[in-house]
Each structure stands twice: as structure tokens, then as C-alpha cells.
């Protein structure tokens, strides 16, 4: 996926140039509803900037596509788990 076309430059995205998805058809990462995400996730697997990509998507509320090897549903679960963990830590610290 050509991340330069997708990202708006609000933060440093130097990591993009190292991404496995550079030069890959972006449509692969934005499959039709119900279509397989396996191929896109395979591109992400082993990518040296996979975590940077995922954190970008989480920080920017990306609602569509595969980012950092995760679908929106998977990212939503991760956001909820992190929020629960933060609440648990806050309660423990009180």
C-alpha cells in the first residue's frame, strides 16, 4: 500500500518507507466487506514497521482497512483492552 497517499502528514511517518506494503496495490488492504484479509495480513507479517503502522491506525482512528496486520474489528478489540487496562491501573493506583 502506498502509505504516502493514505497518510496526511500530521505526524512523522518516516516509517512508511520501510513498510512491506510499499508498492503493493492499496485495494488489497481495503477488501470488500466479507472478503478475505489473509493476503493483506500476510504482507504485514514480518514487516519491520508493523507496530508503527498499527499505532498510527489506533492514534488516528482508522476505521477501514488492514493496518499493522489488524482489521478494524481487531483494532477495536485492542483499543477496548487497552482502555480496560488503563482503568485497572488507575484504580490500583488510587
PDB file of N, CA and C in Angstrom:
ATOM      1  N   UNK A   1       0.857  -1.163   0.000  1.00  0.00           N
ATOM      2  CA  UNK A   1       0.000   0.000   0.000  1.00  0.00           C
ATOM      3  C   UNK A   1       0.902   1.224   0.000  1.00  0.00           C
ATOM      4  N   UNK A   2       0.639   2.154  -0.841  1.00  0.00           N
ATOM      5  CA  UNK A   2       1.429   3.370  -0.866  1.00  0.00           C
ATOM      6  C   UNK A   2       0.931   4.270   0.249  1.00  0.00           C
ATOM      7  N   UNK A   3       1.571   4.173   1.396  1.00  0.00           N
ATOM      8  CA  UNK A   3       1.128   4.898   2.573  1.00  0.00           C
ATOM      9  C   UNK A   3       1.190   6.402   2.366  1.00  0.00           C
ATOM     10  N   UNK A   4       2.077   6.877   1.497  1.00  0.00           N
ATOM     11  CA  UNK A   4       2.172   8.316   1.273  1.00  0.00           C
ATOM     12  C   UNK A   4       0.855   8.870   0.757  1.00  0.00           C
ATOM     13  N   UNK A   5       0.083   8.077   0.033  1.00  0.00           N
ATOM     14  CA  UNK A   5      -1.203   8.530  -0.458  1.00  0.00           C
ATOM     15  C   UNK A   5      -2.261   8.508   0.639  1.00  0.00           C
ATOM     16  N   UNK A   6      -2.052   7.679   1.643  1.00  0.00           N
ATOM     17  CA  UNK A   6      -3.065   7.490   2.671  1.00  0.00           C
ATOM     18  C   UNK A   6      -2.875   8.387   3.887  1.00  0.00           C
ATOM     19  N   UNK A   7      -1.658   8.736   4.170  1.00  0.00           N
ATOM     20  CA  UNK A   7      -1.383   9.471   5.390  1.00  0.00           C
ATOM     21  C   UNK A   7      -1.278  10.956   5.091  1.00  0.00           C
ATOM     22  N   UNK A   8      -1.767  11.756   6.000  1.00  0.00           N
ATOM     23  CA  UNK A   8      -1.872  13.180   5.736  1.00  0.00           C
ATOM     24  C   UNK A   8      -0.725  14.028   6.269  1.00  0.00           C
ATOM     25  N   UNK A   9       0.292  13.425   6.820  1.00  0.00           N
ATOM     26  CA  UNK A   9       1.460  14.183   7.252  1.00  0.00           C
ATOM     27  C   UNK A   9       1.313  14.898   8.578  1.00  0.00           C
ATOM     28  N   UNK A  10       0.309  14.576   9.380  1.00  0.00           N
ATOM     29  CA  UNK A  10       0.120  15.246  10.667  1.00  0.00           C
ATOM     30  C   UNK A  10       1.196  14.857  11.674  1.00  0.00           C
ATOM     31  N   UNK A  11       1.829  13.731  11.461  1.00  0.00           N
ATOM     32  CA  UNK A  11       2.907  13.313  12.328  1.00  0.00           C
ATOM     33  C   UNK A  11       3.985  12.685  11.462  1.00  0.00           C
ATOM     34  N   UNK A  12       5.147  12.453  12.033  1.00  0.00           N
ATOM     35  CA  UNK A  12       6.256  11.889  11.280  1.00  0.00           C
ATOM     36  C   UNK A  12       5.938  10.455  10.882  1.00  0.00           C
ATOM     37  N   UNK A  13       5.878  10.202   9.598  1.00  0.00           N
ATOM     38  CA  UNK A  13       5.633   8.857   9.108  1.00  0.00           C
ATOM     39  C   UNK A  13       6.832   8.320   8.330  1.00  0.00           C
ATOM     40  N   UNK A  14       8.038   8.610   8.805  1.00  0.00           N
ATOM     41  CA  UNK A  14       9.237   8.112   8.153  1.00  0.00           C
ATOM     42  C   UNK A  14       9.264   6.591   8.073  1.00  0.00           C
ATOM     43  N   UNK A  15       8.540   5.956   8.961  1.00  0.00           N
ATOM     44  CA  UNK A  15       8.477   4.501   8.981  1.00  0.00           C
ATOM     45  C   UNK A  15       7.869   3.941   7.705  1.00  0.00           C
ATOM     46  N   UNK A  16       7.041   4.730   7.024  1.00  0.00           N
ATOM     47  CA  UNK A  16       6.333   4.255   5.825  1.00  0.00           C
ATOM     48  C   UNK A  16       7.276   3.714   4.762  1.00  0.00           C
ATOM     49  N   UNK A  17       8.407   4.360   4.596  1.00  0.00           N
ATOM     50  CA  UNK A  17       9.319   3.963   3.518  1.00  0.00           C
ATOM     51  C   UNK A  17       9.908   2.584   3.735  1.00  0.00           C
ATOM     52  N   UNK A  18       9.824   2.067   4.956  1.00  0.00           N
ATOM     53  CA  UNK A  18      10.350   0.743   5.274  1.00  0.00           C
ATOM     54  C   UNK A  18       9.276  -0.338   5.247  1.00  0.00           C
ATOM     55  N   UNK A  19       8.039   0.047   4.975  1.00  0.00           N
ATOM     56  CA  UNK A  19       6.909  -0.885   5.062  1.00  0.00           C
ATOM     57  C   UNK A  19       6.914  -1.915   3.927  1.00  0.00           C
ATOM     58  N   UNK A  20       6.559  -3.141   4.279  1.00  0.00           N
ATOM     59  CA  UNK A  20       6.434  -4.213   3.281  1.00  0.00           C
ATOM     60  C   UNK A  20       5.408  -3.878   2.214  1.00  0.00           C
ATOM     61  N   UNK A  21       4.453  -3.040   2.553  1.00  0.00           N
ATOM     62  CA  UNK A  21       3.341  -2.766   1.649  1.00  0.00           C
ATOM     63  C   UNK A  21       3.651  -1.695   0.601  1.00  0.00           C
ATOM     64  N   UNK A  22       4.795  -1.063   0.686  1.00  0.00           N
ATOM     65  CA  UNK A  22       5.145  -0.059  -0.314  1.00  0.00           C
ATOM     66  C   UNK A  22       5.146  -0.712  -1.692  1.00  0.00           C
ATOM     67  N   UNK A  23       4.393  -0.127  -2.606  1.00  0.00           N
ATOM     68  CA  UNK A  23       4.333  -0.648  -3.966  1.00  0.00           C
ATOM     69  C   UNK A  23       3.273  -1.706  -4.184  1.00  0.00           C
ATOM     70  N   UNK A  24       2.599  -2.133  -3.113  1.00  0.00           N
ATOM     71  CA  UNK A  24       1.536  -3.132  -3.223  1.00  0.00           C
ATOM     72  C   UNK A  24       0.218  -2.400  -3.485  1.00  0.00           C
ATOM     73  N   UNK A  25      -0.642  -2.981  -4.274  1.00  0.00           N
ATOM     74  CA  UNK A  25      -1.937  -2.381  -4.596  1.00  0.00           C
ATOM     75  C   UNK A  25      -2.715  -2.094  -3.313  1.00  0.00           C
ATOM     76  N   UNK A  26      -3.081  -0.838  -3.048  1.00  0.00           N
ATOM     77  CA  UNK A  26      -3.811  -0.480  -1.823  1.00  0.00           C
ATOM     78  C   UNK A  26      -5.137  -1.225  -1.669  1.00  0.00           C
ATOM     79  N   UNK A  27      -5.752  -1.601  -2.773  1.00  0.00           N
ATOM     80  CA  UNK A  27      -7.030  -2.311  -2.692  1.00  0.00           C
ATOM     81  C   UNK A  27      -6.915  -3.608  -1.894  1.00  0.00           C
ATOM     82  N   UNK A  28      -5.726  -4.194  -1.871  1.00  0.00           N
ATOM     83  CA  UNK A  28      -5.512  -5.421  -1.103  1.00  0.00           C
ATOM     84  C   UNK A  28      -5.792  -5.180   0.376  1.00  0.00           C
ATOM     85  N   UNK A  29      -5.507  -3.972   0.863  1.00  0.00           N
ATOM     86  CA  UNK A  29      -5.643  -3.655   2.275  1.00  0.00           C
ATOM     87  C   UNK A  29      -7.012  -3.097   2.641  1.00  0.00           C
ATOM     88  N   UNK A  30      -7.846  -2.921   1.630  1.00  0.00           N
ATOM     89  CA  UNK A  30      -9.204  -2.423   1.849  1.00  0.00           C
ATOM     90  C   UNK A  30     -10.187  -3.338   1.121  1.00  0.00           C
ATOM     91  N   UNK A  31     -10.268  -4.606   1.587  1.00  0.00           N
ATOM     92  CA  UNK A  31     -11.131  -5.567   0.900  1.00  0.00           C
ATOM     93  C   UNK A  31     -12.615  -5.235   1.065  1.00  0.00           C
ATOM     94  N   UNK A  32     -13.388  -5.709   0.129  1.00  0.00           N
ATOM     95  CA  UNK A  32     -14.842  -5.565   0.229  1.00  0.00           C
ATOM     96  C   UNK A  32     -15.316  -6.248   1.497  1.00  0.00           C
ATOM     97  N   UNK A  33     -16.433  -5.791   2.036  1.00  0.00           N
ATOM     98  CA  UNK A  33     -16.999  -6.392   3.247  1.00  0.00           C
ATOM     99  C   UNK A  33     -17.178  -7.896   3.044  1.00  0.00           C
ATOM    100  N   UNK A  34     -16.671  -8.665   3.988  1.00  0.00           N
ATOM    101  CA  UNK A  34     -16.791 -10.116   3.937  1.00  0.00           C
ATOM    102  C   UNK A  34     -15.685 -10.807   3.162  1.00  0.00           C
ATOM    103  N   UNK A  35     -14.867 -10.047   2.440  1.00  0.00           N
ATOM    104  CA  UNK A  35     -13.769 -10.640   1.670  1.00  0.00           C
ATOM    105  C   UNK A  35     -12.617 -10.999   2.609  1.00  0.00           C
ATOM    106  N   UNK A  36     -11.769 -11.856   2.159  1.00  0.00           N
ATOM    107  CA  UNK A  36     -10.644 -12.315   2.961  1.00  0.00           C
ATOM    108  C   UNK A  36      -9.616 -11.205   3.192  1.00  0.00           C
ATOM    109  N   UNK A  37      -9.048 -11.199   4.383  1.00  0.00           N
ATOM    110  CA  UNK A  37      -7.976 -10.267   4.726  1.00  0.00           C
ATOM    111  C   UNK A  37      -6.637 -10.997   4.802  1.00  0.00           C
ATOM    112  N   UNK A  38      -6.656 -12.273   4.480  1.00  0.00           N
ATOM    113  CA  UNK A  38      -5.473 -13.125   4.636  1.00  0.00           C
ATOM    114  C   UNK A  38      -4.261 -12.607   3.865  1.00  0.00           C
ATOM    115  N   UNK A  39      -4.448 -12.241   2.600  1.00  0.00           N
ATOM    116  CA  UNK A  39      -3.318 -11.784   1.785  1.00  0.00           C
ATOM    117  C   UNK A  39      -2.718 -10.497   2.337  1.00  0.00           C
ATOM    118  N   UNK A  40      -3.560  -9.564   2.735  1.00  0.00           N
ATOM    119  CA  UNK A  40      -3.060  -8.302   3.285  1.00  0.00           C
ATOM    120  C   UNK A  40      -2.286  -8.555   4.573  1.00  0.00           C
ATOM    121  N   UNK A  41      -2.828  -9.393   5.432  1.00  0.00           N
ATOM    122  CA  UNK A  41      -2.166  -9.689   6.697  1.00  0.00           C
ATOM    123  C   UNK A  41      -0.849 -10.411   6.467  1.00  0.00           C
ATOM    124  N   UNK A  42      -0.775 -11.192   5.408  1.00  0.00           N
ATOM    125  CA  UNK A  42       0.465 -11.886   5.063  1.00  0.00           C
ATOM    126  C   UNK A  42       1.550 -10.870   4.691  1.00  0.00           C
ATOM    127  N   UNK A  43       1.180  -9.811   3.987  1.00  0.00           N
ATOM    128  CA  UNK A  43       2.137  -8.753   3.651  1.00  0.00           C
ATOM    129  C   UNK A  43       2.653  -8.108   4.937  1.00  0.00           C
ATOM    130  N   UNK A  44       1.766  -7.909   5.891  1.00  0.00           N
ATOM    131  CA  UNK A  44       2.133  -7.269   7.165  1.00  0.00           C
ATOM    132  C   UNK A  44       3.025  -8.154   8.033  1.00  0.00           C
ATOM    133  N   UNK A  45       2.825  -9.455   7.931  1.00  0.00           N
ATOM    134  CA  UNK A  45       3.558 -10.381   8.788  1.00  0.00           C
ATOM    135  C   UNK A  45       5.064 -10.217   8.541  1.00  0.00           C
ATOM    136  N   UNK A  46       5.779  -9.976   9.575  1.00  0.00           N
ATOM    137  CA  UNK A  46       7.230  -9.834   9.470  1.00  0.00           C
ATOM    138  C   UNK A  46       7.690  -8.449   9.040  1.00  0.00           C
ATOM    139  N   UNK A  47       6.781  -7.526   8.847  1.00  0.00           N
ATOM    140  CA  UNK A  47       7.151  -6.161   8.454  1.00  0.00           C
ATOM    141  C   UNK A  47       7.838  -5.479   9.633  1.00  0.00           C
ATOM    142  N   UNK A  48       8.948  -4.824   9.364  1.00  0.00           N
ATOM    143  CA  UNK A  48       9.715  -4.207  10.450  1.00  0.00           C
ATOM    144  C   UNK A  48       9.006  -2.997  11.066  1.00  0.00           C
ATOM    145  N   UNK A  49       8.030  -2.443  10.364  1.00  0.00           N
ATOM    146  CA  UNK A  49       7.306  -1.281  10.891  1.00  0.00           C
ATOM    147  C   UNK A  49       5.838  -1.609  11.188  1.00  0.00           C
ATOM    148  N   UNK A  50       5.528  -2.877  11.348  1.00  0.00           N
ATOM    149  CA  UNK A  50       4.155  -3.297  11.605  1.00  0.00           C
ATOM    150  C   UNK A  50       3.572  -2.594  12.823  1.00  0.00           C
ATOM    151  N   UNK A  51       4.328  -2.495  13.899  1.00  0.00           N
ATOM    152  CA  UNK A  51       3.826  -1.850  15.113  1.00  0.00           C
ATOM    153  C   UNK A  51       3.606  -0.355  14.895  1.00  0.00           C
ATOM    154  N   UNK A  52       4.513   0.299  14.172  1.00  0.00           N
ATOM    155  CA  UNK A  52       4.334   1.729  13.871  1.00  0.00           C
ATOM    156  C   UNK A  52       3.044   1.955  13.095  1.00  0.00           C
ATOM    157  N   UNK A  53       2.787   1.099  12.132  1.00  0.00           N
ATOM    158  CA  UNK A  53       1.582   1.183  11.308  1.00  0.00           C
ATOM    159  C   UNK A  53       0.333   0.991  12.174  1.00  0.00           C
ATOM    160  N   UNK A  54       0.369  -0.015  13.018  1.00  0.00           N
ATOM    161  CA  UNK A  54      -0.763  -0.283  13.908  1.00  0.00           C
ATOM    162  C   UNK A  54      -1.003   0.897  14.839  1.00  0.00           C
ATOM    163  N   UNK A  55       0.046   1.426  15.437  1.00  0.00           N
ATOM    164  CA  UNK A  55      -0.107   2.553  16.361  1.00  0.00           C
ATOM    165  C   UNK A  55      -0.630   3.781  15.628  1.00  0.00           C
ATOM    166  N   UNK A  56      -0.201   3.987  14.387  1.00  0.00           N
ATOM    167  CA  UNK A  56      -0.729   5.096  13.592  1.00  0.00           C
ATOM    168  C   UNK A  56      -2.240   4.941  13.442  1.00  0.00           C
ATOM    169  N   UNK A  57      -2.669   3.743  13.060  1.00  0.00           N
ATOM    170  CA  UNK A  57      -4.098   3.486  12.845  1.00  0.00           C
ATOM    171  C   UNK A  57      -4.890   3.689  14.127  1.00  0.00           C
ATOM    172  N   UNK A  58      -4.357   3.234  15.245  1.00  0.00           N
ATOM    173  CA  UNK A  58      -5.049   3.405  16.527  1.00  0.00           C
ATOM    174  C   UNK A  58      -5.121   4.876  16.919  1.00  0.00           C
ATOM    175  N   UNK A  59      -4.026   5.590  16.757  1.00  0.00           N
ATOM    176  CA  UNK A  59      -3.973   7.002  17.143  1.00  0.00           C
ATOM    177  C   UNK A  59      -4.878   7.865  16.267  1.00  0.00           C
ATOM    178  N   UNK A  60      -5.076   7.444  15.024  1.00  0.00           N
ATOM    179  CA  UNK A  60      -5.852   8.248  14.082  1.00  0.00           C
ATOM    180  C   UNK A  60      -7.254   7.703  13.828  1.00  0.00           C
ATOM    181  N   UNK A  61      -7.636   6.687  14.587  1.00  0.00           N
ATOM    182  CA  UNK A  61      -8.992   6.157  14.485  1.00  0.00           C
ATOM    183  C   UNK A  61      -9.343   5.599  13.109  1.00  0.00           C
ATOM    184  N   UNK A  62      -8.368   4.980  12.455  1.00  0.00           N
ATOM    185  CA  UNK A  62      -8.638   4.394  11.134  1.00  0.00           C
ATOM    186  C   UNK A  62      -9.761   3.366  11.265  1.00  0.00           C
ATOM    187  N   UNK A  63     -10.819   3.565  10.522  1.00  0.00           N
ATOM    188  CA  UNK A  63     -11.998   2.700  10.622  1.00  0.00           C
ATOM    189  C   UNK A  63     -12.060   1.642   9.532  1.00  0.00           C
ATOM    190  N   UNK A  64     -11.218   1.757   8.538  1.00  0.00           N
ATOM    191  CA  UNK A  64     -11.277   0.820   7.417  1.00  0.00           C
ATOM    192  C   UNK A  64      -9.896   0.266   7.118  1.00  0.00           C
ATOM    193  N   UNK A  65      -9.876  -0.907   6.588  1.00  0.00           N
ATOM    194  CA  UNK A  65      -8.640  -1.481   6.084  1.00  0.00           C
ATOM    195  C   UNK A  65      -7.824  -2.242   7.100  1.00  0.00           C
ATOM    196  N   UNK A  66      -6.769  -2.840   6.572  1.00  0.00           N
ATOM    197  CA  UNK A  66      -5.811  -3.587   7.374  1.00  0.00           C
ATOM    198  C   UNK A  66      -4.647  -2.652   7.658  1.00  0.00           C
ATOM    199  N   UNK A  67      -4.367  -2.457   8.914  1.00  0.00           N
ATOM    200  CA  UNK A  67      -3.267  -1.607   9.362  1.00  0.00           C
ATOM    201  C   UNK A  67      -2.488  -2.388  10.411  1.00  0.00           C
ATOM    202  N   UNK A  68      -1.184  -2.476  10.244  1.00  0.00           N
ATOM    203  CA  UNK A  68      -0.374  -3.190  11.232  1.00  0.00           C
ATOM    204  C   UNK A  68      -0.796  -4.632  11.398  1.00  0.00           C
ATOM    205  N   UNK A  69      -1.344  -5.205  10.349  1.00  0.00           N
ATOM    206  CA  UNK A  69      -1.742  -6.606  10.382  1.00  0.00           C
ATOM    207  C   UNK A  69      -3.075  -6.873  11.054  1.00  0.00           C
ATOM    208  N   UNK A  70      -3.835  -5.814  11.357  1.00  0.00           N
ATOM    209  CA  UNK A  70      -5.119  -5.991  12.044  1.00  0.00           C
ATOM    210  C   UNK A  70      -6.258  -5.334  11.275  1.00  0.00           C
ATOM    211  N   UNK A  71      -7.407  -5.981  11.351  1.00  0.00           N
ATOM    212  CA  UNK A  71      -8.632  -5.417  10.775  1.00  0.00           C
ATOM    213  C   UNK A  71      -9.210  -4.405  11.758  1.00  0.00           C
ATOM    214  N   UNK A  72     -10.204  -3.658  11.325  1.00  0.00           N
ATOM    215  CA  UNK A  72     -10.847  -2.693  12.226  1.00  0.00           C
ATOM    216  C   UNK A  72     -11.438  -3.404  13.444  1.00  0.00           C
ATOM    217  N   UNK A  73     -12.046  -4.539  13.250  1.00  0.00           N
ATOM    218  CA  UNK A  73     -12.624  -5.283  14.380  1.00  0.00           C
ATOM    219  C   UNK A  73     -11.537  -5.644  15.393  1.00  0.00           C
ATOM    220  N   UNK A  74     -10.393  -6.102  14.890  1.00  0.00           N
ATOM    221  CA  UNK A  74      -9.291  -6.465  15.786  1.00  0.00           C
ATOM    222  C   UNK A  74      -8.723  -5.228  16.489  1.00  0.00           C
ATOM    223  N   UNK A  75      -8.627  -4.116  15.755  1.00  0.00           N
ATOM    224  CA  UNK A  75      -8.140  -2.876  16.372  1.00  0.00           C
ATOM    225  C   UNK A  75      -9.114  -2.387  17.431  1.00  0.00           C
ATOM    226  N   UNK A  76     -10.417  -2.520  17.183  1.00  0.00           N
ATOM    227  CA  UNK A  76     -11.432  -2.110  18.158  1.00  0.00           C
ATOM    228  C   UNK A  76     -11.263  -2.914  19.449  1.00  0.00           C
ATOM    229  N   UNK A  77     -11.067  -4.226  19.316  1.00  0.00           N
ATOM    230  CA  UNK A  77     -10.854  -5.074  20.498  1.00  0.00           C
ATOM    231  C   UNK A  77      -9.608  -4.640  21.259  1.00  0.00           C
ATOM    232  N   UNK A  78      -8.552  -4.326  20.523  1.00  0.00           N
ATOM    233  CA  UNK A  78      -7.306  -3.902  21.152  1.00  0.00           C
ATOM    234  C   UNK A  78      -7.492  -2.577  21.884  1.00  0.00           C
ATOM    235  N   UNK A  79      -8.212  -1.631  21.270  1.00  0.00           N
ATOM    236  CA  UNK A  79      -8.486  -0.345  21.935  1.00  0.00           C
ATOM    237  C   UNK A  79      -9.255  -0.561  23.238  1.00  0.00           C
ATOM    238  N   UNK A  80     -10.270  -1.432  23.188  1.00  0.00           N
ATOM    239  CA  UNK A  80     -11.054  -1.715  24.401  1.00  0.00           C
ATOM    240  C   UNK A  80     -10.192  -2.353  25.479  1.00  0.00           C
ATOM    241  N   UNK A  81      -9.345  -3.306  25.089  1.00  0.00           N
ATOM    242  CA  UNK A  81      -8.476  -3.977  26.059  1.00  0.00           C
ATOM    243  C   UNK A  81      -7.502  -2.990  26.690  1.00  0.00           C
ATOM    244  N   UNK A  82      -6.945  -2.097  25.879  1.00  0.00           N
ATOM    245  CA  UNK A  82      -6.026  -1.092  26.411  1.00  0.00           C
ATOM    246  C   UNK A  82      -6.751  -0.134  27.357  1.00  0.00           C
ATOM    247  N   UNK A  83      -7.968   0.268  27.008  1.00  0.00           N
ATOM    248  CA  UNK A  83      -8.745   1.168  27.861  1.00  0.00           C
ATOM    249  C   UNK A  83      -9.039   0.497  29.199  1.00  0.00           C
ATOM    250  N   UNK A  84      -9.414  -0.769  29.162  1.00  0.00           N
ATOM    251  CA  UNK A  84      -9.689  -1.518  30.393  1.00  0.00           C
ATOM    252  C   UNK A  84      -8.428  -1.607  31.246  1.00  0.00           C
ATOM    253  N   UNK A  85      -7.303  -1.866  30.596  1.00  0.00           N
ATOM    254  CA  UNK A  85      -6.037  -1.956  31.325  1.00  0.00           C
ATOM    255  C   UNK A  85      -5.700  -0.610  31.986  1.00  0.00           C
ATOM    256  N   UNK A  86      -5.904   0.493  31.266  1.00  0.00           N
ATOM    257  CA  UNK A  86      -5.642   1.823  31.844  1.00  0.00           C
ATOM    258  C   UNK A  86      -6.539   2.082  33.049  1.00  0.00           C
ATOM    259  N   UNK A  87      -7.821   1.701  32.938  1.00  0.00           N
ATOM    260  CA  UNK A  87      -8.747   1.897  34.062  1.00  0.00           C
ATOM    261  C   UNK A  87      -8.329   1.059  35.249  1.00  0.00           C
ATOM    262  N   UNK A  88      -7.917  -0.167  35.012  1.00  0.00           N
ATOM    263  CA  UNK A  88      -7.492  -1.059  36.079  1.00  0.00           C
ATOM    264  C   UNK A  88      -6.268  -0.506  36.787  1.00  0.00           C
ATOM    265  N   UNK A  89      -5.326   0.013  36.017  1.00  0.00           N
ATOM    266  CA  UNK A  89      -4.118   0.605  36.595  1.00  0.00           C
ATOM    267  C   UNK A  89      -4.474   1.849  37.400  1.00  0.00           C
ATOM    268  N   UNK A  90      -5.366   2.672  36.882  1.00  0.00           N
ATOM    269  CA  UNK A  90      -5.773   3.898  37.585  1.00  0.00           C
ATOM    270  C   UNK A  90      -6.444   3.567  38.911  1.00  0.00           C
ATOM    271  N   UNK A  91      -7.296   2.552  38.908  1.00  0.00           N
ATOM    272  CA  UNK A  91      -7.978   2.150  40.143  1.00  0.00           C
ATOM    273  C   UNK A  91      -6.976   1.591  41.136  1.00  0.00           C
ATOM    274  N   UNK A  92      -6.014   0.814  40.678  1.00  0.00           N
ATOM    275  CA  UNK A  92      -5.000   0.233  41.540  1.00  0.00           C
ATOM    276  C   UNK A  92      -4.108   1.302  42.166  1.00  0.00           C
ATOM    277  N   UNK A  93      -3.876   2.387  41.407  1.00  0.00           N
ATOM    278  CA  UNK A  93      -3.001   3.454  41.886  1.00  0.00           C
ATOM    279  C   UNK A  93      -3.702   4.355  42.896  1.00  0.00           C
ATOM    280  N   UNK A  94      -5.023   4.290  42.953  1.00  0.00           N
ATOM    281  CA  UNK A  94      -5.779   5.188  43.852  1.00  0.00           C
ATOM    282  C   UNK A  94      -5.718   4.746  45.283  1.00  0.00           C
TER     283      UNK A  94
END
